[in-house]
N, C-alpha and C. Protein backbone atom coordinates (compact mmCIF):
# COMPACT_ATOMS: atom_id res chain seq x y z
N UNK A 1 88.19 -21.56 217.76
CA UNK A 1 86.98 -21.52 218.67
C UNK A 1 85.95 -20.79 218.08
N UNK A 2 84.69 -21.28 217.69
CA UNK A 2 83.48 -20.93 216.79
C UNK A 2 83.13 -19.46 217.75
N UNK A 3 82.08 -18.39 216.89
CA UNK A 3 81.66 -17.28 217.41
C UNK A 3 80.95 -17.30 218.40
N UNK A 4 80.11 -18.33 219.53
CA UNK A 4 79.43 -18.07 219.86
C UNK A 4 80.61 -18.16 221.29
N UNK A 5 81.40 -18.95 221.25
CA UNK A 5 82.22 -19.81 222.22
C UNK A 5 83.35 -18.32 222.45
N UNK A 6 83.49 -16.96 221.42
CA UNK A 6 84.43 -16.55 221.71
C UNK A 6 83.46 -15.30 222.62
N UNK A 7 82.12 -15.00 221.96
CA UNK A 7 81.80 -14.15 223.14
C UNK A 7 81.28 -14.52 224.08
N UNK A 8 81.19 -16.01 224.71
CA UNK A 8 80.81 -16.08 226.03
C UNK A 8 81.83 -15.82 226.89
N UNK A 9 82.96 -16.27 225.99
CA UNK A 9 84.25 -16.02 227.02
C UNK A 9 84.62 -14.20 227.14
N UNK A 10 84.34 -13.42 226.61
CA UNK A 10 84.74 -12.34 226.16
C UNK A 10 83.59 -11.11 227.07
N UNK A 11 82.39 -11.59 227.24
CA UNK A 11 81.24 -11.71 227.60
C UNK A 11 81.31 -11.91 229.14
N UNK A 12 80.79 -11.36 230.13
CA UNK A 12 80.15 -11.86 231.16
C UNK A 12 78.58 -12.13 230.95
N UNK A 13 77.89 -13.05 230.67
CA UNK A 13 76.79 -12.81 230.40
C UNK A 13 75.66 -12.92 231.46
N UNK A 14 75.15 -11.95 231.22
CA UNK A 14 73.47 -11.50 232.22
C UNK A 14 72.59 -12.44 232.41
N UNK A 15 72.46 -13.10 233.63
CA UNK A 15 71.43 -14.35 234.01
C UNK A 15 70.67 -13.80 235.51
N UNK A 16 69.61 -14.72 235.38
CA UNK A 16 68.36 -15.61 234.68
C UNK A 16 68.16 -14.94 233.23
N UNK A 17 67.78 -14.95 231.85
CA UNK A 17 67.10 -14.28 231.00
C UNK A 17 66.02 -14.96 230.82
N UNK A 18 64.68 -13.55 231.03
CA UNK A 18 63.29 -14.17 230.99
C UNK A 18 62.62 -13.99 229.72
N UNK A 19 62.50 -15.08 229.28
CA UNK A 19 61.56 -15.33 227.63
C UNK A 19 60.31 -15.27 227.46
N UNK A 20 59.44 -14.28 227.01
CA UNK A 20 58.36 -14.12 227.26
C UNK A 20 57.44 -13.89 225.97
N UNK A 21 57.19 -15.81 225.85
CA UNK A 21 56.17 -15.42 224.33
C UNK A 21 55.65 -17.07 224.60
N UNK A 22 54.57 -16.85 223.89
CA UNK A 22 53.36 -17.90 223.99
C UNK A 22 53.35 -18.93 223.00
N UNK A 23 54.26 -18.51 221.81
CA UNK A 23 54.16 -19.69 220.75
C UNK A 23 55.84 -20.70 221.07
N UNK A 24 55.46 -22.06 221.37
CA UNK A 24 56.42 -22.89 221.88
C UNK A 24 57.54 -22.88 221.04
N UNK A 25 57.07 -23.31 219.94
CA UNK A 25 58.20 -22.90 218.62
C UNK A 25 59.00 -22.44 218.84
N UNK A 26 58.65 -21.00 219.11
CA UNK A 26 59.22 -19.54 218.87
C UNK A 26 59.94 -19.62 220.03
N UNK A 27 59.69 -20.01 221.84
CA UNK A 27 60.18 -20.20 222.48
C UNK A 27 61.62 -21.43 222.65
N UNK A 28 61.17 -22.56 222.04
CA UNK A 28 62.27 -23.32 221.64
C UNK A 28 63.45 -22.74 220.70
N UNK A 29 63.06 -22.12 219.45
CA UNK A 29 64.07 -20.94 219.01
C UNK A 29 64.70 -20.39 219.83
N UNK A 30 64.00 -19.20 220.42
CA UNK A 30 64.95 -18.42 221.33
C UNK A 30 65.93 -19.24 222.42
N UNK A 31 65.73 -20.32 222.63
CA UNK A 31 66.01 -21.05 223.80
C UNK A 31 67.57 -21.24 222.89
N UNK A 32 67.16 -21.86 221.39
CA UNK A 32 68.49 -22.28 221.22
C UNK A 32 69.19 -21.41 220.74
N UNK A 33 68.91 -20.45 220.26
CA UNK A 33 69.79 -19.37 219.84
C UNK A 33 70.65 -18.56 221.21
N UNK A 34 70.03 -18.52 222.65
CA UNK A 34 70.89 -18.05 223.60
C UNK A 34 71.97 -19.47 223.84
N UNK A 35 71.16 -20.58 223.79
CA UNK A 35 72.25 -21.64 224.38
C UNK A 35 73.72 -21.60 223.31
N UNK A 36 73.21 -20.98 221.90
CA UNK A 36 74.45 -20.94 221.06
C UNK A 36 75.35 -19.60 221.15
N UNK A 37 74.77 -18.68 222.06
CA UNK A 37 75.49 -17.71 222.64
C UNK A 37 75.92 -18.03 224.32
N UNK A 38 76.37 -19.31 224.56
CA UNK A 38 76.95 -19.10 225.46
C UNK A 38 75.73 -19.59 227.02
N UNK A 39 74.89 -19.25 227.02
CA UNK A 39 73.95 -19.58 227.45
C UNK A 39 73.47 -20.73 227.75
N UNK A 40 73.22 -21.73 229.34
CA UNK A 40 73.29 -22.94 229.81
C UNK A 40 71.24 -22.79 229.88
N UNK A 41 70.85 -24.04 229.67
CA UNK A 41 69.62 -24.19 230.12
C UNK A 41 68.84 -23.32 231.08
N UNK A 42 69.60 -23.84 232.29
CA UNK A 42 69.39 -23.41 233.67
C UNK A 42 69.02 -22.53 233.93
N UNK A 43 69.85 -21.27 233.02
CA UNK A 43 69.62 -19.80 232.85
C UNK A 43 68.52 -19.11 232.71
N UNK A 44 68.04 -19.91 231.69
CA UNK A 44 66.51 -19.60 230.81
C UNK A 44 65.52 -19.65 231.71
N UNK A 45 64.34 -18.80 231.53
CA UNK A 45 63.21 -18.95 232.26
C UNK A 45 61.96 -18.57 231.29
N UNK A 46 60.89 -19.57 230.90
CA UNK A 46 60.10 -19.02 229.57
C UNK A 46 58.56 -18.85 230.32
N UNK A 47 58.38 -17.50 230.12
CA UNK A 47 56.71 -17.15 230.36
C UNK A 47 55.75 -17.38 229.06
N UNK A 48 54.58 -17.66 228.91
CA UNK A 48 53.25 -17.94 227.88
C UNK A 48 52.17 -16.62 228.38
N UNK A 49 52.67 -15.75 228.95
CA UNK A 49 51.85 -14.74 229.41
C UNK A 49 52.21 -13.93 230.79
N UNK A 50 51.41 -12.96 230.39
CA UNK A 50 51.94 -11.71 231.20
C UNK A 50 52.18 -12.20 232.52
N UNK A 51 50.83 -12.74 233.07
CA UNK A 51 50.60 -13.35 234.75
C UNK A 51 51.59 -14.33 235.08
N UNK A 52 52.10 -15.53 233.99
CA UNK A 52 53.39 -16.37 234.17
C UNK A 52 54.77 -15.42 234.48
N UNK A 53 54.80 -14.16 233.47
CA UNK A 53 56.29 -13.69 233.79
C UNK A 53 56.07 -12.96 235.15
N UNK A 54 54.90 -12.31 235.42
CA UNK A 54 54.83 -11.59 236.78
C UNK A 54 55.20 -12.30 237.77
N UNK A 55 54.54 -13.92 238.00
CA UNK A 55 54.68 -14.72 239.04
C UNK A 55 56.29 -14.87 238.91
N UNK A 56 56.93 -15.07 237.68
CA UNK A 56 58.38 -15.32 238.03
C UNK A 56 58.89 -14.58 238.49
N UNK A 57 58.51 -13.24 238.17
CA UNK A 57 59.66 -11.74 238.82
C UNK A 57 59.69 -11.57 240.43
N UNK A 58 57.95 -11.89 240.90
CA UNK A 58 57.89 -12.15 241.87
C UNK A 58 59.09 -13.12 243.01
N UNK A 59 59.13 -13.93 242.10
CA UNK A 59 60.09 -14.92 242.50
C UNK A 59 62.12 -15.03 242.63
N UNK A 60 62.04 -13.95 241.33
CA UNK A 60 63.41 -13.79 241.08
C UNK A 60 63.81 -12.44 240.35
N UNK A 61 64.71 -12.07 240.45
CA UNK A 61 64.61 -10.46 239.59
C UNK A 61 65.34 -11.77 237.99
N UNK A 62 65.09 -10.75 236.66
CA UNK A 62 65.78 -11.45 236.16
C UNK A 62 67.28 -9.93 235.43
N UNK A 63 67.57 -10.61 234.47
CA UNK A 63 69.16 -9.75 234.05
C UNK A 63 68.65 -9.41 232.54
N UNK A 64 68.30 -10.14 232.07
CA UNK A 64 67.56 -9.97 230.71
C UNK A 64 66.65 -10.08 229.81
N UNK A 65 65.36 -9.97 228.99
CA UNK A 65 64.48 -10.14 229.19
C UNK A 65 64.31 -10.00 227.35
N UNK A 66 63.34 -11.03 226.77
CA UNK A 66 63.05 -11.02 225.71
C UNK A 66 61.56 -11.07 225.16
N UNK A 67 61.00 -9.95 225.41
CA UNK A 67 59.55 -9.81 225.03
C UNK A 67 58.38 -10.24 223.69
N UNK A 68 57.61 -10.53 223.70
CA UNK A 68 56.55 -10.75 222.44
C UNK A 68 55.41 -9.65 223.21
N UNK A 69 54.85 -8.91 222.24
CA UNK A 69 54.32 -7.78 222.51
C UNK A 69 52.69 -8.57 222.59
N UNK A 70 52.37 -9.67 221.50
CA UNK A 70 51.08 -10.07 221.78
C UNK A 70 50.82 -11.23 222.55
N UNK A 71 50.54 -11.07 223.42
CA UNK A 71 50.30 -12.24 224.65
C UNK A 71 48.83 -12.53 225.06
N UNK A 72 48.65 -13.74 225.36
CA UNK A 72 46.66 -14.11 225.30
C UNK A 72 46.41 -12.79 226.39
N UNK A 73 47.28 -12.55 227.62
CA UNK A 73 46.37 -11.59 228.42
C UNK A 73 46.56 -10.25 228.35
N UNK A 74 47.00 -9.97 227.62
CA UNK A 74 47.32 -8.58 227.44
C UNK A 74 48.42 -8.01 226.48
N UNK A 75 48.81 -7.07 226.68
CA UNK A 75 50.42 -6.50 225.56
C UNK A 75 51.25 -6.34 226.13
N UNK A 76 52.82 -6.89 225.90
CA UNK A 76 53.81 -7.06 226.79
C UNK A 76 54.42 -5.64 226.67
N UNK A 77 53.83 -4.21 226.60
CA UNK A 77 54.07 -3.60 226.73
C UNK A 77 54.20 -2.95 227.88
N UNK A 78 52.90 -3.26 228.37
CA UNK A 78 53.05 -3.19 229.99
C UNK A 78 53.76 -4.07 230.97
N UNK A 79 54.53 -4.77 230.61
CA UNK A 79 55.48 -5.49 230.98
C UNK A 79 56.93 -5.38 231.30
N UNK A 80 56.79 -4.33 230.01
CA UNK A 80 58.38 -3.70 229.59
C UNK A 80 58.47 -2.51 230.45
N UNK A 81 57.45 -2.13 230.51
CA UNK A 81 57.57 -0.67 231.29
C UNK A 81 57.77 -0.99 232.76
N UNK A 82 57.37 -2.22 233.71
CA UNK A 82 57.31 -2.76 234.57
C UNK A 82 58.78 -3.51 234.87
N UNK A 83 59.61 -3.67 234.11
CA UNK A 83 60.73 -4.06 234.17
C UNK A 83 61.57 -2.74 233.74
N UNK A 84 61.64 -2.32 233.20
CA UNK A 84 62.18 -1.53 233.29
C UNK A 84 62.23 -0.14 234.54
N UNK A 85 61.37 0.02 235.02
CA UNK A 85 61.32 0.93 236.31
C UNK A 85 61.52 -0.07 237.31
N UNK A 86 61.77 -1.69 237.26
CA UNK A 86 62.36 -2.49 238.34
C UNK A 86 64.13 -2.18 237.90
N UNK A 87 64.36 -1.93 236.78
CA UNK A 87 65.92 -2.04 236.48
C UNK A 87 66.29 -1.09 235.63
N UNK A 88 66.43 -0.50 235.71
CA UNK A 88 66.98 1.05 234.30
C UNK A 88 67.52 0.34 233.58
N UNK A 89 68.71 0.07 234.00
CA UNK A 89 70.11 -1.07 233.10
C UNK A 89 69.71 -2.25 232.25
N UNK A 90 68.15 -2.61 232.46
CA UNK A 90 68.32 -3.95 232.09
C UNK A 90 68.00 -3.65 230.40
N UNK A 91 68.63 -5.04 229.91
CA UNK A 91 68.31 -5.14 228.24
C UNK A 91 66.70 -5.53 228.02
N UNK A 92 66.43 -5.37 227.34
CA UNK A 92 64.76 -5.80 227.25
C UNK A 92 64.87 -5.62 225.56
N UNK A 93 64.57 -6.65 225.20
CA UNK A 93 64.31 -7.05 223.55
C UNK A 93 63.24 -7.09 223.20
N UNK A 94 62.66 -6.44 221.89
CA UNK A 94 61.41 -7.24 221.76
C UNK A 94 61.24 -7.78 220.36
N UNK A 95 60.73 -9.05 220.36
CA UNK A 95 60.94 -10.17 219.54
C UNK A 95 59.47 -10.24 219.14
N UNK A 96 59.14 -9.83 218.21
CA UNK A 96 57.34 -9.20 217.62
C UNK A 96 57.47 -9.39 216.46
N UNK A 97 56.17 -9.91 216.17
CA UNK A 97 55.71 -10.05 215.00
C UNK A 97 54.89 -8.37 214.71
N UNK A 98 54.67 -7.68 215.16
CA UNK A 98 53.76 -6.46 215.27
C UNK A 98 55.08 -5.93 214.48
N UNK A 99 54.36 -4.76 213.57
CA UNK A 99 55.24 -4.05 212.80
C UNK A 99 54.57 -2.77 212.46
N UNK A 100 53.68 -2.58 213.48
CA UNK A 100 53.23 -1.20 213.03
C UNK A 100 53.59 -0.30 213.77
N UNK A 101 53.44 1.00 213.26
CA UNK A 101 54.02 2.46 214.08
C UNK A 101 53.27 2.35 215.56
N UNK A 102 52.24 2.13 215.59
CA UNK A 102 51.97 2.41 217.06
C UNK A 102 52.24 1.04 218.17
N UNK A 103 52.46 -0.15 217.81
CA UNK A 103 53.04 -0.74 218.58
C UNK A 103 54.58 -0.45 218.97
N UNK A 104 55.10 0.03 217.97
CA UNK A 104 57.11 -0.18 217.79
C UNK A 104 56.67 0.90 218.90
N UNK A 105 56.72 2.14 218.90
CA UNK A 105 56.69 3.33 219.24
C UNK A 105 56.26 2.99 220.61
N UNK A 106 55.04 2.50 220.85
CA UNK A 106 55.03 2.09 222.44
C UNK A 106 55.81 1.62 223.41
N UNK A 107 56.30 0.24 222.32
CA UNK A 107 57.06 -0.22 223.00
C UNK A 107 58.67 0.10 223.23
N UNK A 108 58.65 1.16 222.78
CA UNK A 108 60.34 1.97 222.65
C UNK A 108 60.07 3.12 224.02
N UNK A 109 58.76 3.37 223.97
CA UNK A 109 58.61 4.79 224.89
C UNK A 109 58.47 3.97 225.96
N UNK A 110 57.91 2.37 226.39
CA UNK A 110 58.10 1.84 227.70
C UNK A 110 59.77 1.51 228.20
N UNK A 111 59.78 1.60 227.33
CA UNK A 111 61.14 1.42 227.85
C UNK A 111 62.23 -0.12 226.75
N UNK A 112 61.93 -0.45 225.94
CA UNK A 112 62.69 -1.57 224.94
C UNK A 112 63.93 -1.09 224.50
N UNK A 113 65.10 -1.73 224.73
CA UNK A 113 66.16 -1.37 224.60
C UNK A 113 66.17 -1.70 222.73
N UNK A 114 65.43 -2.38 222.52
CA UNK A 114 65.72 -2.67 221.01
C UNK A 114 64.07 -3.78 220.83
N UNK A 115 64.33 -3.57 219.35
CA UNK A 115 62.89 -4.42 218.54
C UNK A 115 63.34 -4.93 217.27
N UNK A 116 62.97 -6.03 217.46
CA UNK A 116 63.34 -7.16 216.08
C UNK A 116 62.42 -8.18 216.21
N UNK A 117 61.93 -8.19 214.37
CA UNK A 117 60.82 -8.66 214.08
C UNK A 117 61.03 -10.44 214.00
N UNK A 118 60.04 -11.12 214.34
CA UNK A 118 60.02 -12.52 214.69
C UNK A 118 60.49 -13.73 212.97
N UNK A 119 60.15 -12.44 212.17
CA UNK A 119 60.42 -12.73 210.54
C UNK A 119 62.13 -13.60 210.71
N UNK A 120 62.67 -12.59 211.13
CA UNK A 120 64.18 -12.60 210.67
C UNK A 120 65.04 -13.69 211.36
N UNK A 121 65.78 -14.43 210.27
CA UNK A 121 66.41 -15.80 210.99
C UNK A 121 67.23 -15.06 212.00
N UNK A 122 67.47 -16.85 212.45
CA UNK A 122 68.37 -17.57 214.05
C UNK A 122 69.90 -16.24 213.72
N UNK A 123 70.38 -15.81 212.93
CA UNK A 123 71.51 -15.15 212.74
C UNK A 123 70.85 -13.48 213.25
N UNK A 124 70.04 -13.36 212.59
CA UNK A 124 70.00 -11.42 212.99
C UNK A 124 69.17 -11.97 214.14
N UNK A 125 68.48 -12.39 214.59
CA UNK A 125 68.09 -12.40 215.95
C UNK A 125 69.30 -12.13 216.78
N UNK A 126 70.20 -13.37 216.88
CA UNK A 126 71.28 -13.24 217.56
C UNK A 126 72.33 -12.45 217.44
N UNK A 127 72.19 -11.42 216.16
CA UNK A 127 73.04 -10.53 216.15
C UNK A 127 72.05 -9.11 217.19
N UNK A 128 70.98 -9.39 217.08
CA UNK A 128 70.59 -8.28 217.82
C UNK A 128 70.21 -8.52 219.60
N UNK A 129 70.24 -9.73 219.95
CA UNK A 129 70.86 -10.07 221.45
C UNK A 129 72.20 -9.61 221.58
N UNK A 130 72.93 -9.67 220.60
CA UNK A 130 74.54 -9.44 221.14
C UNK A 130 74.33 -8.21 221.53
N UNK A 131 74.00 -7.33 220.55
CA UNK A 131 74.08 -6.12 220.50
C UNK A 131 73.49 -5.73 221.73
N UNK A 132 72.28 -6.36 222.24
CA UNK A 132 71.97 -5.63 223.89
C UNK A 132 72.60 -6.42 224.92
N UNK A 133 73.89 -6.94 224.44
CA UNK A 133 74.42 -7.58 225.86
C UNK A 133 75.75 -6.85 225.57
N UNK A 134 75.96 -5.92 224.75
CA UNK A 134 77.10 -5.37 225.00
C UNK A 134 76.77 -3.92 224.61
N UNK A 135 75.43 -3.57 225.07
CA UNK A 135 75.12 -2.41 225.55
C UNK A 135 74.72 -1.31 224.24
N UNK A 136 74.04 -2.12 223.12
CA UNK A 136 73.61 -1.65 222.08
C UNK A 136 72.14 -1.55 222.17
N UNK A 137 71.35 -0.81 220.96
CA UNK A 137 69.92 -0.71 220.92
C UNK A 137 69.63 -0.91 219.45
N UNK A 138 69.75 -2.50 219.00
CA UNK A 138 69.16 -2.57 217.79
C UNK A 138 67.69 -2.66 217.44
N UNK A 139 67.82 -1.74 216.31
CA UNK A 139 66.51 -1.62 215.87
C UNK A 139 66.28 -2.61 214.28
N UNK A 140 65.33 -3.40 213.93
CA UNK A 140 65.06 -4.14 212.91
C UNK A 140 65.03 -3.27 211.26
N UNK A 141 65.75 -3.19 210.36
CA UNK A 141 65.83 -2.43 209.69
C UNK A 141 64.62 -2.26 208.75
N UNK A 142 63.69 -2.53 208.91
CA UNK A 142 62.34 -2.54 208.67
C UNK A 142 61.81 -1.37 209.35
N UNK A 143 62.16 -1.84 210.48
CA UNK A 143 61.54 -0.57 211.71
C UNK A 143 61.99 0.58 211.92
N UNK A 144 63.40 0.71 211.53
CA UNK A 144 64.58 1.83 211.60
C UNK A 144 64.03 2.70 209.81
N UNK A 145 63.34 1.98 209.07
CA UNK A 145 62.90 2.78 207.77
C UNK A 145 61.50 3.63 208.18
N UNK A 146 60.68 2.63 208.61
CA UNK A 146 59.46 3.25 208.95
C UNK A 146 59.65 4.70 209.94
N UNK A 147 60.69 4.68 211.05
CA UNK A 147 60.69 5.48 211.94
C UNK A 147 61.34 6.41 211.29
N UNK A 148 62.58 6.36 210.61
CA UNK A 148 62.96 7.68 209.53
C UNK A 148 62.08 8.19 208.85
N UNK A 149 61.25 7.16 208.13
CA UNK A 149 60.09 8.07 207.25
C UNK A 149 59.09 8.73 208.15
N UNK A 150 58.52 8.37 209.24
CA UNK A 150 58.01 9.35 209.97
C UNK A 150 58.20 10.56 210.27
N UNK A 151 59.87 10.68 210.82
CA UNK A 151 60.49 11.71 211.16
C UNK A 151 60.59 13.01 210.53
N UNK A 152 60.81 12.32 209.02
CA UNK A 152 60.96 13.16 207.60
C UNK A 152 59.99 13.70 207.31
N UNK A 153 58.54 12.99 207.44
CA UNK A 153 57.40 13.43 207.36
C UNK A 153 56.68 14.30 208.58
N UNK A 154 56.92 14.27 209.97
CA UNK A 154 56.77 14.97 210.75
C UNK A 154 56.95 16.35 210.76
N UNK A 155 55.96 17.25 210.97
CA UNK A 155 56.34 18.64 211.94
C UNK A 155 57.73 18.69 212.57
N UNK A 156 58.06 19.99 212.47
CA UNK A 156 59.09 20.75 213.29
C UNK A 156 58.52 20.54 214.63
N UNK A 157 59.10 19.85 215.48
CA UNK A 157 58.79 19.77 217.14
C UNK A 157 59.28 21.42 217.71
N UNK A 158 59.87 22.32 217.13
CA UNK A 158 60.00 23.47 217.55
C UNK A 158 58.31 24.39 217.00
N UNK A 159 58.06 24.16 215.82
CA UNK A 159 57.12 24.84 215.65
C UNK A 159 57.46 25.75 214.25
N UNK A 160 59.13 25.22 213.81
CA UNK A 160 59.53 26.06 212.26
C UNK A 160 58.75 25.22 211.26
N UNK A 161 58.54 26.38 210.30
CA UNK A 161 58.11 25.66 209.09
C UNK A 161 58.96 24.36 208.43
N UNK A 162 58.47 23.49 207.88
CA UNK A 162 59.20 22.59 207.26
C UNK A 162 60.28 22.88 206.46
N UNK A 163 59.95 23.81 205.43
CA UNK A 163 60.77 23.93 204.41
C UNK A 163 61.19 25.60 204.66
N UNK A 164 62.51 26.39 204.57
CA UNK A 164 62.96 27.49 204.70
C UNK A 164 62.51 28.42 203.74
N UNK A 165 62.28 29.55 203.57
CA UNK A 165 62.10 30.47 203.09
C UNK A 165 62.44 30.54 201.36
N UNK A 166 63.67 30.11 201.47
CA UNK A 166 63.68 29.86 199.84
C UNK A 166 63.55 28.60 199.10
N UNK A 167 63.47 27.55 200.62
CA UNK A 167 63.12 26.35 199.35
C UNK A 167 61.53 26.26 199.29
N UNK A 168 60.62 27.40 200.29
CA UNK A 168 59.31 27.52 199.38
C UNK A 168 59.40 27.91 198.48
N UNK A 169 60.00 29.47 198.18
CA UNK A 169 59.98 30.29 196.98
C UNK A 169 60.36 29.55 195.57
N UNK A 170 61.63 28.15 195.97
CA UNK A 170 62.09 27.65 194.96
C UNK A 170 60.74 26.59 194.46
N UNK A 171 59.70 25.62 195.70
CA UNK A 171 58.86 25.21 195.55
C UNK A 171 57.77 26.20 194.87
N UNK A 172 56.88 26.84 194.77
CA UNK A 172 56.27 27.90 194.21
C UNK A 172 56.88 27.69 193.05
N UNK A 173 57.95 27.80 192.52
CA UNK A 173 58.15 28.48 191.20
C UNK A 173 58.45 26.83 190.35
N UNK A 174 58.74 25.67 191.06
CA UNK A 174 58.77 24.14 190.27
C UNK A 174 56.87 24.01 190.18
N UNK A 175 56.26 24.38 191.16
CA UNK A 175 54.54 24.45 190.67
C UNK A 175 53.99 25.04 189.80
N UNK A 176 54.70 26.06 189.31
CA UNK A 176 54.43 27.01 188.02
C UNK A 176 54.84 26.32 186.97
N UNK A 177 55.56 25.34 187.30
CA UNK A 177 56.25 24.73 185.84
C UNK A 177 57.58 24.68 185.56
N UNK A 178 58.59 25.72 186.52
CA UNK A 178 59.43 26.25 185.58
C UNK A 178 60.88 24.96 185.70
N UNK A 179 61.44 24.99 185.24
CA UNK A 179 62.62 24.19 184.95
C UNK A 179 63.52 25.03 186.20
N UNK A 180 64.70 23.66 186.53
CA UNK A 180 66.04 24.29 187.39
C UNK A 180 66.30 25.54 186.60
N UNK A 181 66.51 25.35 185.30
CA UNK A 181 67.27 26.88 184.96
C UNK A 181 66.62 28.15 184.87
N UNK A 182 65.77 27.86 184.72
CA UNK A 182 64.72 29.34 184.32
C UNK A 182 64.25 29.53 185.87
N UNK A 183 64.05 28.79 186.96
CA UNK A 183 64.17 29.11 188.70
C UNK A 183 65.60 29.76 188.74
N UNK A 184 66.83 29.35 188.59
CA UNK A 184 67.89 30.01 188.83
C UNK A 184 67.83 31.49 188.13
N UNK A 185 67.48 31.26 186.95
CA UNK A 185 67.22 32.63 186.49
C UNK A 185 66.52 33.49 186.89
N UNK A 186 65.18 33.40 187.84
CA UNK A 186 64.07 34.14 187.97
C UNK A 186 64.81 34.62 189.77
N UNK A 187 65.88 33.47 190.29
CA UNK A 187 65.80 34.01 191.53
C UNK A 187 67.38 34.47 191.68
N UNK A 188 67.89 34.53 190.61
CA UNK A 188 69.66 35.14 190.20
C UNK A 188 70.31 34.73 191.06
N UNK A 189 70.33 33.05 191.20
CA UNK A 189 71.21 32.07 191.83
C UNK A 189 71.70 30.60 191.08
N UNK A 190 72.56 30.08 191.10
CA UNK A 190 73.07 29.44 190.29
C UNK A 190 72.14 27.99 190.06
N UNK A 191 72.51 27.51 188.72
CA UNK A 191 71.42 26.22 188.70
C UNK A 191 71.76 24.90 189.85
N UNK A 192 72.99 25.36 190.07
CA UNK A 192 73.49 24.05 191.34
C UNK A 192 72.95 24.30 192.55
N UNK A 193 72.54 25.62 192.96
CA UNK A 193 72.09 26.09 194.46
C UNK A 193 70.57 25.36 193.81
N UNK A 194 69.36 25.74 192.94
CA UNK A 194 68.45 25.39 192.58
C UNK A 194 68.19 23.61 192.81
N UNK A 195 69.30 23.59 192.29
CA UNK A 195 69.22 21.67 192.52
C UNK A 195 69.31 21.08 194.07
N UNK A 196 70.45 21.82 194.66
CA UNK A 196 70.39 21.40 195.90
C UNK A 196 69.37 21.84 196.92
N UNK A 197 68.66 23.09 196.84
CA UNK A 197 67.21 23.54 197.49
C UNK A 197 66.34 22.47 197.14
N UNK A 198 66.21 21.43 195.49
CA UNK A 198 65.25 20.87 195.67
C UNK A 198 65.33 19.59 196.14
N UNK A 199 66.43 18.98 196.14
CA UNK A 199 66.86 17.79 196.62
C UNK A 199 66.53 17.81 198.10
N UNK A 200 66.63 18.90 199.21
CA UNK A 200 66.31 19.42 200.57
C UNK A 200 64.95 19.58 200.29
N UNK A 201 64.41 19.96 199.49
CA UNK A 201 62.86 19.93 199.31
C UNK A 201 62.33 18.30 199.14
N UNK A 202 62.62 17.42 198.44
CA UNK A 202 62.08 15.85 198.54
C UNK A 202 62.82 15.50 199.55
N UNK A 203 63.52 15.71 200.65
CA UNK A 203 64.35 15.09 201.77
C UNK A 203 63.02 15.42 202.75
N UNK A 204 62.79 16.30 202.76
CA UNK A 204 61.81 17.13 204.10
C UNK A 204 60.55 16.81 203.82
N UNK A 205 60.11 16.51 202.78
CA UNK A 205 58.69 15.83 202.56
C UNK A 205 58.73 14.23 201.80
N UNK A 206 59.94 13.99 202.04
CA UNK A 206 59.98 12.16 202.16
C UNK A 206 59.40 11.95 200.36
N UNK A 207 59.46 12.81 199.40
CA UNK A 207 59.15 12.42 197.78
C UNK A 207 60.38 11.89 196.98
N UNK A 208 59.84 11.87 195.84
CA UNK A 208 61.06 11.63 194.88
C UNK A 208 61.10 12.21 193.25
N UNK A 209 60.04 12.80 193.60
CA UNK A 209 59.66 13.62 192.18
C UNK A 209 59.48 14.63 192.49
N UNK A 210 58.81 15.82 191.25
CA UNK A 210 58.47 16.98 191.35
C UNK A 210 56.78 16.99 191.22
N UNK A 211 56.36 16.11 190.49
CA UNK A 211 54.78 16.12 190.98
C UNK A 211 54.38 15.36 192.25
N UNK A 212 55.24 14.80 192.73
CA UNK A 212 55.05 14.01 194.22
C UNK A 212 55.23 15.21 195.37
N UNK A 213 56.54 15.92 195.50
CA UNK A 213 56.75 17.16 195.85
C UNK A 213 55.60 18.63 196.10
N UNK A 214 54.66 18.49 194.49
CA UNK A 214 53.81 19.61 194.42
C UNK A 214 52.54 18.68 195.25
N UNK A 215 52.01 18.11 195.41
CA UNK A 215 50.75 16.95 195.83
C UNK A 215 51.31 16.90 197.45
N UNK A 216 52.15 16.57 197.85
CA UNK A 216 52.97 16.64 199.13
C UNK A 216 52.44 17.97 200.09
N UNK A 217 53.27 19.06 198.99
CA UNK A 217 53.65 19.92 199.69
C UNK A 217 51.70 20.62 199.93
N UNK A 218 50.87 20.72 198.95
CA UNK A 218 49.46 20.81 199.01
C UNK A 218 48.77 20.61 200.08
N UNK A 219 49.19 19.03 199.95
CA UNK A 219 48.30 18.23 201.33
C UNK A 219 48.80 18.61 202.71
N UNK A 220 49.79 19.13 202.43
CA UNK A 220 50.03 19.86 204.20
C UNK A 220 50.20 21.37 204.20
N UNK A 221 49.35 22.18 203.14
CA UNK A 221 49.03 23.63 202.90
C UNK A 221 50.01 24.41 202.64
N UNK A 222 51.29 24.24 202.19
CA UNK A 222 52.46 24.45 202.36
C UNK A 222 52.50 25.50 200.99
N UNK A 223 51.22 25.19 199.81
CA UNK A 223 51.81 25.73 198.74
C UNK A 223 50.34 26.38 198.16
N UNK A 224 49.56 26.81 197.68
CA UNK A 224 48.07 27.44 197.38
C UNK A 224 47.67 26.28 196.15
N UNK A 225 46.45 26.39 195.86
CA UNK A 225 45.78 25.48 195.08
C UNK A 225 45.70 24.36 194.98
């Protein structure tokens, strides 16, 4: 028995599935992936615009939605919010070419369960759909890296300074040109403790060198000069 057959027998596939995509080639591709997962063609419905999707939803509720964002009559994010309001438990997977932070975060805030880029191959798209069907929240690796990077660079939501007092002290000495050994001697701590502080500074500022750390800290007002 192949993988798709095992999946379809192990799980009850939620249906019908709404595919909101204006490119016929992508529509056909997603239909093919869903059929490989165990769906029958009559369980799938396609809409090439927000208007068509809403018309379908007036006639029949759906159990799973694959939604593009760039549609001829608007942004798919609005439809995602409507779907989520109608069914808080529905699986809603964005399959889009858009990879900007604003688009990603808007879709997730609207209620998207996951987000995968169209450029991924059929196997990766299939795995993302499977994840949604099993209650997961798949995020494209490229997008995950972007979001994590933004979180590292974002100020603390609690209003706390991004660096601890000791980390700020170490960074000030780094900016003065002192080596880790010299910093250790100045602060009466071990060189390994200094190295640990430096690593934490790099991670919090999302940098990988002393020069970048100094530049980033100055740009954020964490260092004078």
